[in-house]
Each structure stands twice: as structure tokens, then as C-alpha cells.
Amino acid sequence: MNNAHDFLAPLRANYRDRAARNSNTLSERSRGPCASRGDLIETAAGGGSVDAPARAPRTAPATKKAKSDDDDGGDGDGPGLELLVAKLTERLAAMSRPALPVEIDLWDAGTIGQYLKRSTSLVRERVVCQPSFPAAIRLPNGNGQRMHPLWKAREVIDWAESHREHKTA
């Protein structure tokens, strides 16, 4: 494997571990809801139980993988996993927006809730209505109506820090 794809190694290992766990639990699921934990342990150990004969563990059917030009020939995951990771990386990059500096950012009630570790409804009902909380900014929409309230991030942070308890020595 070349160094450009070394960052995929942990993802591949996780993928293989999950696939192994899923194939191991197939035999347990096939027993149905009537099997007890002891029956499952005995069956997995190769013993058998009074209720049901021992079954061989189910495994995923072996499939032949066509050799492709994209395959690195290494770990058997093939180009599919790398393609999936590349697509996910692109989508995450498209979804994430650059962070604005706190000095100019405007926060809505949901963002304030995340900052204060409170729910959005609690922020709307009990926090922003306090007289000491900073004044909201309501931008007009195309019809001249006021939109949802926004607050300057720096003012909200300053307000929250003003409520810090001071230790007495």
C-alpha cells in the first residue's frame, strides 16, 4: 500500500472488525427468540443443547472478487472502500462551512443552546428572555417582516462568563 492511502488503514480495520462481528452473530440470530443464552454458548462451543441440535456457525458465502486496475492487491477490501471514503470526505467538506470569528458571528437559539449545553427550547423559554441577556438582532426578510432572532456571539459569551461563580479562598 502506498503512503497516500495510509490514513485509510484504521477505517479498513474497523470495517473488517465489524464484518467479522456481524458474521459471528448470524449464528446466534438464526436460533430465534426461544434460545437461551446457555444454549447459544453451548452451540457456539460445538456442544449442543437439549432443545436443539448443534449447528455449524453460519458464515458469509465466499465470493470471487474480480481483479481491477484500481485494486491495490493488499488487504482485500478493494477500491470500493477507498471510493466510499473519498465520497464521504467530499461530502463532509461540502457540509462544513468555514467558522466565522466569534467577534462577528451571529448565533441563533440552537447555537446558543449548544454553547450553554442546554436544549434549544430551554434557551428560548428561559435564557434569552432574561433582562440581562443581550438584545437580539432581527433582520428583515423580503416582505419587511422580521426574521428569527440572532445574537452576537461575543455578547452571549460575555453574558455567560458574567455568571461565573467566584471561589472564596
N, C-alpha and C. Protein backbone atom coordinates (compact mmCIF):
# COMPACT_ATOMS: atom_id res chain seq x y z
N MET A 1 0.85 -1.18 0.00
CA MET A 1 0.00 0.00 0.00
C MET A 1 0.89 1.23 0.00
N ASN A 2 0.51 2.22 -0.77
CA ASN A 2 1.35 3.41 -0.83
C ASN A 2 0.98 4.37 0.30
N ASN A 3 1.87 5.33 0.58
CA ASN A 3 1.71 6.23 1.71
C ASN A 3 0.52 7.16 1.58
N ALA A 4 0.05 7.42 0.35
CA ALA A 4 -1.06 8.34 0.15
C ALA A 4 -2.34 7.80 0.77
N HIS A 5 -2.45 6.50 0.92
CA HIS A 5 -3.68 5.92 1.46
C HIS A 5 -3.51 5.34 2.86
N ASP A 6 -2.43 5.71 3.56
CA ASP A 6 -2.20 5.19 4.91
C ASP A 6 -3.28 5.64 5.87
N PHE A 7 -3.90 6.79 5.64
CA PHE A 7 -4.94 7.27 6.53
C PHE A 7 -6.18 6.38 6.49
N LEU A 8 -6.30 5.52 5.48
CA LEU A 8 -7.44 4.63 5.38
C LEU A 8 -7.28 3.35 6.20
N ALA A 9 -6.09 3.08 6.69
CA ALA A 9 -5.83 1.83 7.41
C ALA A 9 -6.76 1.65 8.61
N PRO A 10 -6.96 2.65 9.48
CA PRO A 10 -7.87 2.45 10.61
C PRO A 10 -9.31 2.18 10.15
N LEU A 11 -9.73 2.82 9.07
CA LEU A 11 -11.08 2.60 8.58
C LEU A 11 -11.24 1.18 8.07
N ARG A 12 -10.22 0.69 7.37
CA ARG A 12 -10.27 -0.69 6.86
C ARG A 12 -10.33 -1.68 8.01
N ALA A 13 -9.52 -1.45 9.05
CA ALA A 13 -9.51 -2.36 10.20
C ALA A 13 -10.87 -2.37 10.87
N ASN A 14 -11.47 -1.21 11.04
CA ASN A 14 -12.80 -1.11 11.65
C ASN A 14 -13.83 -1.84 10.80
N TYR A 15 -13.74 -1.67 9.49
CA TYR A 15 -14.66 -2.32 8.57
C TYR A 15 -14.55 -3.84 8.68
N ARG A 16 -13.30 -4.35 8.71
CA ARG A 16 -13.09 -5.79 8.84
C ARG A 16 -13.60 -6.31 10.18
N ASP A 17 -13.36 -5.55 11.26
CA ASP A 17 -13.82 -5.98 12.58
C ASP A 17 -15.35 -6.06 12.63
N ARG A 18 -16.03 -5.05 12.06
CA ARG A 18 -17.49 -5.07 12.05
C ARG A 18 -18.02 -6.22 11.22
N ALA A 19 -17.39 -6.49 10.09
CA ALA A 19 -17.83 -7.59 9.24
C ALA A 19 -17.65 -8.92 9.96
N ALA A 20 -16.56 -9.07 10.69
CA ALA A 20 -16.33 -10.31 11.44
C ALA A 20 -17.35 -10.46 12.56
N ARG A 21 -17.65 -9.38 13.27
CA ARG A 21 -18.65 -9.44 14.35
C ARG A 21 -20.02 -9.79 13.78
N ASN A 22 -20.38 -9.19 12.66
CA ASN A 22 -21.69 -9.47 12.06
C ASN A 22 -21.80 -10.91 11.61
N SER A 23 -20.76 -11.48 11.05
CA SER A 23 -20.84 -12.87 10.61
C SER A 23 -20.89 -13.81 11.80
N ASN A 24 -20.26 -13.44 12.93
CA ASN A 24 -20.31 -14.28 14.13
C ASN A 24 -21.68 -14.26 14.77
N THR A 25 -22.38 -13.14 14.70
CA THR A 25 -23.68 -13.06 15.36
C THR A 25 -24.79 -13.65 14.49
N LEU A 26 -24.52 -13.95 13.23
CA LEU A 26 -25.56 -14.55 12.39
C LEU A 26 -26.02 -15.89 12.96
N SER A 27 -25.10 -16.70 13.47
CA SER A 27 -25.48 -18.00 14.00
C SER A 27 -26.34 -17.83 15.24
N GLU A 28 -26.07 -16.80 16.05
CA GLU A 28 -26.89 -16.56 17.23
C GLU A 28 -28.28 -16.10 16.85
N ARG A 29 -28.38 -15.25 15.84
CA ARG A 29 -29.69 -14.76 15.42
C ARG A 29 -30.52 -15.87 14.79
N SER A 30 -29.88 -16.83 14.17
CA SER A 30 -30.62 -17.88 13.48
C SER A 30 -31.33 -18.80 14.44
N ARG A 31 -30.92 -18.79 15.70
CA ARG A 31 -31.54 -19.66 16.69
C ARG A 31 -32.94 -19.17 17.07
N GLY A 32 -33.19 -17.90 16.92
CA GLY A 32 -34.52 -17.36 17.21
C GLY A 32 -34.64 -16.90 18.65
N PRO A 33 -35.82 -16.38 19.01
CA PRO A 33 -36.00 -15.80 20.33
C PRO A 33 -36.16 -16.85 21.43
N CYS A 34 -36.34 -18.10 21.10
CA CYS A 34 -36.59 -19.11 22.12
C CYS A 34 -35.31 -19.67 22.72
N ALA A 35 -34.18 -19.42 22.12
CA ALA A 35 -32.93 -19.98 22.63
C ALA A 35 -32.46 -19.20 23.84
N SER A 36 -31.95 -19.91 24.81
CA SER A 36 -31.42 -19.23 25.99
C SER A 36 -29.96 -18.90 25.74
N ARG A 37 -29.41 -18.08 26.60
CA ARG A 37 -28.00 -17.70 26.46
C ARG A 37 -27.10 -18.92 26.59
N GLY A 38 -27.41 -19.83 27.48
CA GLY A 38 -26.62 -21.04 27.66
C GLY A 38 -26.64 -21.90 26.40
N ASP A 39 -27.80 -22.02 25.76
CA ASP A 39 -27.89 -22.80 24.53
C ASP A 39 -26.99 -22.20 23.46
N LEU A 40 -26.98 -20.87 23.39
CA LEU A 40 -26.16 -20.22 22.38
C LEU A 40 -24.68 -20.45 22.65
N ILE A 41 -24.29 -20.39 23.92
CA ILE A 41 -22.90 -20.60 24.26
C ILE A 41 -22.49 -22.04 23.95
N GLU A 42 -23.35 -23.00 24.33
CA GLU A 42 -23.03 -24.40 24.04
C GLU A 42 -22.95 -24.65 22.54
N THR A 43 -23.88 -24.08 21.80
CA THR A 43 -23.89 -24.27 20.35
C THR A 43 -22.63 -23.67 19.74
N ALA A 44 -22.25 -22.48 20.21
CA ALA A 44 -21.06 -21.84 19.67
C ALA A 44 -19.81 -22.64 20.02
N ALA A 45 -19.84 -23.31 21.19
CA ALA A 45 -18.68 -24.09 21.61
C ALA A 45 -18.63 -25.44 20.91
N GLY A 46 -19.66 -25.78 20.17
CA GLY A 46 -19.68 -27.05 19.46
C GLY A 46 -20.41 -28.12 20.23
N GLY A 47 -20.96 -27.79 21.37
CA GLY A 47 -21.66 -28.75 22.21
C GLY A 47 -23.02 -29.04 21.66
N GLY A 48 -23.99 -28.57 21.93
CA GLY A 48 -25.34 -28.89 21.51
C GLY A 48 -26.19 -28.62 22.72
N SER A 49 -27.46 -28.68 22.55
CA SER A 49 -28.32 -28.44 23.70
C SER A 49 -29.41 -29.48 23.69
N VAL A 50 -30.15 -29.51 24.77
CA VAL A 50 -31.24 -30.45 24.88
C VAL A 50 -32.34 -30.08 23.91
N ASP A 51 -32.55 -28.78 23.71
CA ASP A 51 -33.66 -28.32 22.87
C ASP A 51 -33.39 -28.47 21.38
N ALA A 52 -32.17 -28.22 20.97
CA ALA A 52 -31.90 -28.20 19.53
C ALA A 52 -30.53 -28.80 19.27
N PRO A 53 -30.37 -29.43 18.12
CA PRO A 53 -29.04 -29.97 17.80
C PRO A 53 -28.08 -28.83 17.50
N ALA A 54 -26.80 -29.11 17.67
CA ALA A 54 -25.78 -28.10 17.41
C ALA A 54 -25.74 -27.79 15.92
N ARG A 55 -25.58 -26.53 15.61
CA ARG A 55 -25.50 -26.10 14.23
C ARG A 55 -24.12 -25.54 13.97
N ALA A 56 -23.68 -25.73 12.78
CA ALA A 56 -22.41 -25.11 12.39
C ALA A 56 -22.64 -23.62 12.25
N PRO A 57 -21.69 -22.80 12.67
CA PRO A 57 -21.88 -21.35 12.54
C PRO A 57 -22.03 -20.95 11.09
N ARG A 58 -22.96 -20.03 10.86
CA ARG A 58 -23.17 -19.53 9.51
C ARG A 58 -22.07 -18.54 9.19
N THR A 59 -21.57 -18.65 8.02
CA THR A 59 -20.57 -17.69 7.57
C THR A 59 -21.05 -17.09 6.26
N ALA A 60 -20.48 -15.97 5.94
CA ALA A 60 -20.85 -15.31 4.69
C ALA A 60 -20.34 -16.16 3.54
N PRO A 61 -21.11 -16.26 2.46
CA PRO A 61 -20.66 -17.06 1.32
C PRO A 61 -19.41 -16.43 0.69
N ALA A 62 -18.52 -17.30 0.27
CA ALA A 62 -17.30 -16.82 -0.36
C ALA A 62 -17.63 -16.34 -1.76
N THR A 63 -17.16 -15.17 -2.08
CA THR A 63 -17.39 -14.62 -3.42
C THR A 63 -16.05 -14.33 -4.04
N LYS A 64 -15.97 -14.57 -5.30
CA LYS A 64 -14.74 -14.25 -6.01
C LYS A 64 -14.79 -12.78 -6.41
N LYS A 65 -13.70 -12.12 -6.16
CA LYS A 65 -13.62 -10.71 -6.48
C LYS A 65 -12.85 -10.56 -7.78
N ALA A 66 -13.43 -9.81 -8.67
CA ALA A 66 -12.75 -9.57 -9.95
C ALA A 66 -11.59 -8.63 -9.71
N LYS A 67 -10.48 -8.94 -10.30
CA LYS A 67 -9.30 -8.08 -10.17
C LYS A 67 -9.49 -6.85 -11.04
N SER A 68 -9.30 -5.69 -10.45
CA SER A 68 -9.46 -4.46 -11.21
C SER A 68 -8.16 -3.69 -11.20
N ASP A 69 -8.07 -2.69 -12.04
CA ASP A 69 -6.87 -1.88 -12.12
C ASP A 69 -6.69 -1.02 -10.88
N ASP A 70 -7.82 -0.66 -10.22
CA ASP A 70 -7.76 0.20 -9.05
C ASP A 70 -7.34 -0.56 -7.80
N ASP A 71 -7.41 -1.88 -7.84
CA ASP A 71 -7.13 -2.67 -6.65
C ASP A 71 -5.66 -2.58 -6.29
N ASP A 72 -5.40 -2.34 -5.01
CA ASP A 72 -4.01 -2.26 -4.60
C ASP A 72 -3.44 -3.63 -4.28
N GLY A 73 -4.27 -4.66 -4.32
CA GLY A 73 -3.81 -6.02 -4.14
C GLY A 73 -3.41 -6.34 -2.72
N GLY A 74 -3.69 -5.47 -1.76
CA GLY A 74 -3.19 -5.67 -0.41
C GLY A 74 -4.16 -6.36 0.51
N ASP A 75 -5.10 -5.64 1.06
CA ASP A 75 -5.88 -6.14 2.16
C ASP A 75 -7.20 -6.77 1.78
N GLY A 76 -7.55 -6.81 0.55
CA GLY A 76 -8.77 -7.48 0.13
C GLY A 76 -10.01 -6.61 0.17
N ASP A 77 -9.90 -5.37 0.63
CA ASP A 77 -11.08 -4.51 0.66
C ASP A 77 -11.36 -3.94 -0.71
N GLY A 78 -10.36 -3.79 -1.52
CA GLY A 78 -10.55 -3.32 -2.88
C GLY A 78 -10.80 -1.84 -2.96
N PRO A 79 -11.10 -1.36 -4.15
CA PRO A 79 -11.28 0.07 -4.36
C PRO A 79 -12.62 0.57 -3.83
N GLY A 80 -13.55 -0.33 -3.54
CA GLY A 80 -14.86 0.11 -3.08
C GLY A 80 -14.79 0.92 -1.81
N LEU A 81 -14.01 0.46 -0.85
CA LEU A 81 -13.90 1.16 0.42
C LEU A 81 -13.22 2.51 0.23
N GLU A 82 -12.16 2.53 -0.56
CA GLU A 82 -11.47 3.80 -0.80
C GLU A 82 -12.37 4.79 -1.51
N LEU A 83 -13.17 4.31 -2.45
CA LEU A 83 -14.10 5.18 -3.16
C LEU A 83 -15.15 5.73 -2.20
N LEU A 84 -15.64 4.87 -1.32
CA LEU A 84 -16.63 5.30 -0.33
C LEU A 84 -16.05 6.35 0.60
N VAL A 85 -14.84 6.12 1.07
CA VAL A 85 -14.20 7.09 1.97
C VAL A 85 -13.97 8.41 1.23
N ALA A 86 -13.58 8.35 -0.02
CA ALA A 86 -13.36 9.58 -0.79
C ALA A 86 -14.66 10.36 -0.95
N LYS A 87 -15.76 9.64 -1.23
CA LYS A 87 -17.05 10.32 -1.37
C LYS A 87 -17.50 10.94 -0.05
N LEU A 88 -17.32 10.19 1.04
CA LEU A 88 -17.71 10.72 2.35
C LEU A 88 -16.88 11.95 2.72
N THR A 89 -15.59 11.91 2.40
CA THR A 89 -14.73 13.05 2.68
C THR A 89 -15.18 14.27 1.90
N GLU A 90 -15.54 14.08 0.63
CA GLU A 90 -16.01 15.20 -0.18
C GLU A 90 -17.31 15.78 0.39
N ARG A 91 -18.22 14.91 0.78
CA ARG A 91 -19.50 15.40 1.32
C ARG A 91 -19.32 16.13 2.63
N LEU A 92 -18.46 15.61 3.51
CA LEU A 92 -18.20 16.29 4.78
C LEU A 92 -17.57 17.65 4.54
N ALA A 93 -16.66 17.73 3.59
CA ALA A 93 -16.02 19.02 3.28
C ALA A 93 -17.05 20.01 2.74
N ALA A 94 -17.99 19.52 1.93
CA ALA A 94 -19.02 20.40 1.38
C ALA A 94 -19.98 20.86 2.47
N MET A 95 -20.24 20.00 3.44
CA MET A 95 -21.19 20.35 4.51
C MET A 95 -20.60 21.32 5.52
N SER A 96 -19.31 21.20 5.78
CA SER A 96 -18.72 22.06 6.79
C SER A 96 -18.46 23.44 6.20
N ARG A 97 -18.87 24.41 6.91
CA ARG A 97 -18.66 25.78 6.46
C ARG A 97 -17.53 26.38 7.28
N PRO A 98 -16.83 27.32 6.73
CA PRO A 98 -15.72 27.92 7.49
C PRO A 98 -16.28 28.67 8.70
N ALA A 99 -15.59 28.55 9.79
CA ALA A 99 -16.02 29.20 11.03
C ALA A 99 -15.73 30.70 10.96
N LEU A 100 -16.71 31.47 11.38
CA LEU A 100 -16.53 32.92 11.46
C LEU A 100 -15.89 33.26 12.79
N PRO A 101 -15.15 34.34 12.85
CA PRO A 101 -14.60 34.76 14.14
C PRO A 101 -15.74 35.09 15.12
N VAL A 102 -15.53 34.78 16.37
CA VAL A 102 -16.56 34.98 17.39
C VAL A 102 -16.96 36.46 17.48
N GLU A 103 -16.05 37.33 17.15
CA GLU A 103 -16.34 38.76 17.26
C GLU A 103 -17.44 39.22 16.29
N ILE A 104 -17.61 38.52 15.16
CA ILE A 104 -18.60 38.96 14.17
C ILE A 104 -19.70 37.94 13.93
N ASP A 105 -19.59 36.76 14.50
CA ASP A 105 -20.57 35.70 14.25
C ASP A 105 -21.89 36.02 14.93
N LEU A 106 -22.99 35.61 14.29
CA LEU A 106 -24.32 35.72 14.87
C LEU A 106 -24.82 34.32 15.19
N TRP A 107 -25.37 34.14 16.39
CA TRP A 107 -25.85 32.83 16.83
C TRP A 107 -27.36 32.84 16.93
N ASP A 108 -27.97 31.72 16.56
CA ASP A 108 -29.40 31.54 16.78
C ASP A 108 -29.58 30.80 18.11
N ALA A 109 -30.83 30.54 18.48
CA ALA A 109 -31.12 29.90 19.77
C ALA A 109 -30.51 28.50 19.84
N GLY A 110 -30.46 27.78 18.73
CA GLY A 110 -29.88 26.44 18.72
C GLY A 110 -28.38 26.47 19.00
N THR A 111 -27.68 27.42 18.40
CA THR A 111 -26.24 27.53 18.62
C THR A 111 -25.93 27.97 20.04
N ILE A 112 -26.76 28.87 20.56
CA ILE A 112 -26.59 29.29 21.96
C ILE A 112 -26.81 28.08 22.87
N GLY A 113 -27.80 27.26 22.54
CA GLY A 113 -28.05 26.05 23.33
C GLY A 113 -26.86 25.11 23.31
N GLN A 114 -26.23 24.95 22.16
CA GLN A 114 -25.04 24.10 22.09
C GLN A 114 -23.92 24.68 22.95
N TYR A 115 -23.74 25.98 22.90
CA TYR A 115 -22.68 26.61 23.68
C TYR A 115 -22.94 26.47 25.17
N LEU A 116 -24.19 26.67 25.58
CA LEU A 116 -24.53 26.61 27.00
C LEU A 116 -24.84 25.19 27.49
N LYS A 117 -24.79 24.21 26.58
CA LYS A 117 -25.12 22.82 26.90
C LYS A 117 -26.56 22.71 27.42
N ARG A 118 -27.46 23.37 26.73
CA ARG A 118 -28.88 23.36 27.07
C ARG A 118 -29.68 23.12 25.79
N SER A 119 -30.93 22.71 25.94
CA SER A 119 -31.78 22.48 24.78
C SER A 119 -32.20 23.82 24.17
N THR A 120 -32.56 23.77 22.90
CA THR A 120 -33.00 24.98 22.20
C THR A 120 -34.25 25.54 22.84
N SER A 121 -35.18 24.66 23.23
CA SER A 121 -36.42 25.14 23.85
C SER A 121 -36.16 25.83 25.18
N LEU A 122 -35.22 25.29 25.97
CA LEU A 122 -34.90 25.93 27.25
C LEU A 122 -34.27 27.29 27.01
N VAL A 123 -33.43 27.41 25.99
CA VAL A 123 -32.82 28.70 25.68
C VAL A 123 -33.88 29.71 25.31
N ARG A 124 -34.84 29.30 24.46
CA ARG A 124 -35.91 30.23 24.05
C ARG A 124 -36.81 30.63 25.21
N GLU A 125 -37.13 29.66 26.08
CA GLU A 125 -38.12 29.90 27.13
C GLU A 125 -37.54 30.53 28.39
N ARG A 126 -36.26 30.27 28.69
CA ARG A 126 -35.75 30.71 29.99
C ARG A 126 -34.47 31.53 29.95
N VAL A 127 -33.74 31.51 28.85
CA VAL A 127 -32.45 32.20 28.84
C VAL A 127 -32.55 33.54 28.13
N VAL A 128 -32.97 33.54 26.87
CA VAL A 128 -32.94 34.79 26.09
C VAL A 128 -33.98 35.79 26.57
N CYS A 129 -34.93 35.36 27.37
CA CYS A 129 -35.95 36.29 27.87
C CYS A 129 -35.50 37.01 29.14
N GLN A 130 -34.35 36.64 29.68
CA GLN A 130 -33.86 37.32 30.88
C GLN A 130 -33.46 38.75 30.55
N PRO A 131 -33.75 39.69 31.45
CA PRO A 131 -33.44 41.10 31.17
C PRO A 131 -31.96 41.37 30.96
N SER A 132 -31.09 40.58 31.59
CA SER A 132 -29.65 40.83 31.47
C SER A 132 -29.06 40.22 30.19
N PHE A 133 -29.84 39.39 29.46
CA PHE A 133 -29.33 38.75 28.25
C PHE A 133 -29.21 39.80 27.14
N PRO A 134 -28.20 39.68 26.28
CA PRO A 134 -28.01 40.69 25.21
C PRO A 134 -29.25 40.81 24.30
N ALA A 135 -29.41 41.98 23.74
CA ALA A 135 -30.54 42.24 22.85
C ALA A 135 -30.37 41.46 21.55
N ALA A 136 -31.50 41.01 21.02
CA ALA A 136 -31.50 40.23 19.78
C ALA A 136 -31.39 41.14 18.56
N ILE A 137 -30.90 40.57 17.49
CA ILE A 137 -30.86 41.24 16.19
C ILE A 137 -31.87 40.51 15.32
N ARG A 138 -32.83 41.26 14.76
CA ARG A 138 -33.83 40.66 13.88
C ARG A 138 -33.72 41.31 12.52
N LEU A 139 -33.20 40.55 11.58
CA LEU A 139 -33.04 41.06 10.22
C LEU A 139 -34.37 41.00 9.48
N PRO A 140 -34.66 41.97 8.61
CA PRO A 140 -35.91 41.91 7.85
C PRO A 140 -35.78 40.95 6.67
N ASN A 141 -36.91 40.33 6.32
CA ASN A 141 -36.91 39.50 5.11
C ASN A 141 -37.41 40.35 3.94
N GLY A 142 -37.68 39.76 2.80
CA GLY A 142 -38.09 40.50 1.61
C GLY A 142 -39.41 41.22 1.76
N ASN A 143 -40.28 40.74 2.66
CA ASN A 143 -41.59 41.35 2.86
C ASN A 143 -41.58 42.42 3.93
N GLY A 144 -40.42 42.71 4.49
CA GLY A 144 -40.33 43.70 5.54
C GLY A 144 -40.62 43.13 6.92
N GLN A 145 -40.91 41.84 7.00
CA GLN A 145 -41.15 41.21 8.30
C GLN A 145 -39.83 40.88 8.95
N ARG A 146 -39.85 40.77 10.27
CA ARG A 146 -38.62 40.44 10.99
C ARG A 146 -38.47 38.92 11.07
N MET A 147 -37.25 38.45 10.84
CA MET A 147 -36.97 37.01 10.86
C MET A 147 -36.61 36.58 12.29
N HIS A 148 -36.21 35.31 12.42
CA HIS A 148 -35.85 34.76 13.72
C HIS A 148 -34.74 35.57 14.37
N PRO A 149 -34.75 35.65 15.69
CA PRO A 149 -33.73 36.45 16.38
C PRO A 149 -32.35 35.81 16.30
N LEU A 150 -31.35 36.67 16.24
CA LEU A 150 -29.95 36.27 16.27
C LEU A 150 -29.26 37.11 17.33
N TRP A 151 -28.17 36.59 17.86
CA TRP A 151 -27.43 37.31 18.89
C TRP A 151 -25.96 37.32 18.53
N LYS A 152 -25.27 38.41 18.87
CA LYS A 152 -23.82 38.48 18.64
C LYS A 152 -23.15 37.46 19.56
N ALA A 153 -22.33 36.61 18.98
CA ALA A 153 -21.68 35.52 19.72
C ALA A 153 -20.84 36.07 20.87
N ARG A 154 -20.07 37.11 20.62
CA ARG A 154 -19.20 37.67 21.67
C ARG A 154 -20.02 38.15 22.85
N GLU A 155 -21.20 38.77 22.60
CA GLU A 155 -22.04 39.26 23.69
C GLU A 155 -22.62 38.09 24.50
N VAL A 156 -22.99 37.01 23.82
CA VAL A 156 -23.53 35.84 24.53
C VAL A 156 -22.45 35.21 25.40
N ILE A 157 -21.24 35.10 24.87
CA ILE A 157 -20.13 34.53 25.65
C ILE A 157 -19.83 35.40 26.86
N ASP A 158 -19.78 36.71 26.64
CA ASP A 158 -19.53 37.63 27.76
C ASP A 158 -20.63 37.51 28.81
N TRP A 159 -21.89 37.40 28.38
CA TRP A 159 -23.01 37.25 29.31
C TRP A 159 -22.85 35.96 30.12
N ALA A 160 -22.53 34.86 29.46
CA ALA A 160 -22.37 33.58 30.15
C ALA A 160 -21.23 33.65 31.16
N GLU A 161 -20.13 34.26 30.76
CA GLU A 161 -18.99 34.35 31.67
C GLU A 161 -19.25 35.30 32.83
N SER A 162 -20.17 36.23 32.67
CA SER A 162 -20.51 37.12 33.77
C SER A 162 -21.24 36.38 34.91
N HIS A 163 -21.70 35.19 34.63
CA HIS A 163 -22.40 34.40 35.65
C HIS A 163 -21.50 33.36 36.30
N ARG A 164 -20.21 33.47 36.08
CA ARG A 164 -19.26 32.55 36.69
C ARG A 164 -19.23 32.76 38.20
N GLU A 165 -19.23 31.66 38.92
CA GLU A 165 -19.11 31.73 40.38
C GLU A 165 -17.66 31.96 40.74
N HIS A 166 -17.45 32.80 41.72
CA HIS A 166 -16.10 33.10 42.17
C HIS A 166 -15.81 32.31 43.43
N LYS A 167 -14.67 31.65 43.46
CA LYS A 167 -14.28 30.87 44.63
C LYS A 167 -13.78 31.81 45.70
N THR A 168 -14.11 31.45 46.91
CA THR A 168 -13.57 32.19 48.04
C THR A 168 -12.41 31.40 48.62
N ALA A 169 -11.33 32.08 48.90
CA ALA A 169 -10.14 31.38 49.37
C ALA A 169 -10.17 31.05 50.81
